[in-house]
């Protein structure tokens, strides 16, 4: 169980780091004003699924870790 919780925590942290990196990159990415934007202007349509799934994996990993410690 500890291996699974560690894996979920690692994947969740990696997803949050990737989402934060993409979010930062999208602010600096040069774009032609006449072209369609590389990323949607609505942040929640871009990054909410990544942030939410990363946070959900962190929560599940923490719950599994705490449940394993209470046994």
Protein backbone atom coordinates (compact mmCIF):
# COMPACT_ATOMS: atom_id res chain seq x y z
CA UNK A 1 0.00 0.00 0.00
CA UNK A 2 2.89 2.35 0.71
CA UNK A 3 4.24 1.87 -2.80
CA UNK A 4 0.87 2.76 -4.32
CA UNK A 5 0.48 5.87 -2.16
CA UNK A 6 4.04 6.98 -2.97
CA UNK A 7 3.37 6.49 -6.67
CA UNK A 8 0.12 8.47 -6.52
CA UNK A 9 1.83 11.28 -4.60
CA UNK A 10 4.65 11.40 -7.13
CA UNK A 11 2.30 11.42 -10.12
CA UNK A 12 0.12 14.10 -8.50
CA UNK A 13 3.10 16.34 -7.79
CA UNK A 14 4.42 15.81 -11.31
CA UNK A 15 1.05 16.75 -12.80
CA UNK A 16 0.87 19.92 -10.71
CA UNK A 17 4.42 20.84 -11.71
CA UNK A 18 3.67 20.26 -15.40
CA UNK A 19 0.46 22.31 -15.20
CA UNK A 20 2.27 25.16 -13.44
CA UNK A 21 5.06 25.07 -16.01
CA UNK A 22 2.63 25.13 -18.93
CA UNK A 23 0.69 27.92 -17.27
CA UNK A 24 3.87 29.98 -16.87
CA UNK A 25 5.02 29.18 -20.42
CA UNK A 26 1.71 30.25 -21.93
CA UNK A 27 2.15 33.70 -20.44
CA UNK A 28 5.52 34.16 -22.14
CA UNK A 29 4.89 32.37 -25.44
CA UNK A 30 5.07 34.87 -28.29
CA UNK A 31 2.06 34.80 -30.53
CA UNK A 32 1.19 36.49 -33.77
CA UNK A 33 -1.74 38.82 -33.01
CA UNK A 34 -3.48 37.73 -36.21
CA UNK A 35 -3.25 34.01 -35.51
CA UNK A 36 -5.35 31.88 -33.23
CA UNK A 37 -3.91 31.75 -29.73
CA UNK A 38 -1.79 28.76 -28.77
CA UNK A 39 -3.70 28.42 -25.51
CA UNK A 40 -7.27 29.32 -24.64
CA UNK A 41 -7.63 32.68 -22.88
CA UNK A 42 -9.80 31.07 -20.20
CA UNK A 43 -7.45 29.63 -17.57
CA UNK A 44 -9.98 27.20 -16.14
CA UNK A 45 -10.57 25.51 -19.49
CA UNK A 46 -6.81 25.09 -19.95
CA UNK A 47 -5.49 24.14 -16.57
CA UNK A 48 -8.37 23.13 -14.29
CA UNK A 49 -8.43 19.48 -15.46
CA UNK A 50 -4.68 19.12 -14.84
CA UNK A 51 -4.78 20.90 -11.48
CA UNK A 52 -7.90 19.02 -10.35
CA UNK A 53 -6.62 15.58 -11.33
CA UNK A 54 -3.21 16.29 -9.79
CA UNK A 55 -4.84 17.43 -6.56
CA UNK A 56 -7.15 14.40 -6.56
CA UNK A 57 -4.18 12.05 -6.91
CA UNK A 58 -2.44 13.85 -4.04
CA UNK A 59 -5.52 13.49 -1.83
CA UNK A 60 -5.93 9.79 -2.66
CA UNK A 61 -2.22 9.18 -2.01
CA UNK A 62 -2.39 10.97 1.34
CA UNK A 63 -5.53 9.08 2.37
CA UNK A 64 -3.91 5.76 1.49
CA UNK A 65 -0.77 6.72 3.39
CA UNK A 66 -2.75 7.77 6.48
CA UNK A 67 -4.92 4.65 6.31
CA UNK A 68 -1.79 2.50 6.13
CA UNK A 69 -0.28 4.22 9.18
CA UNK A 70 -3.40 3.75 11.31
CA UNK A 71 -3.36 -0.02 10.77
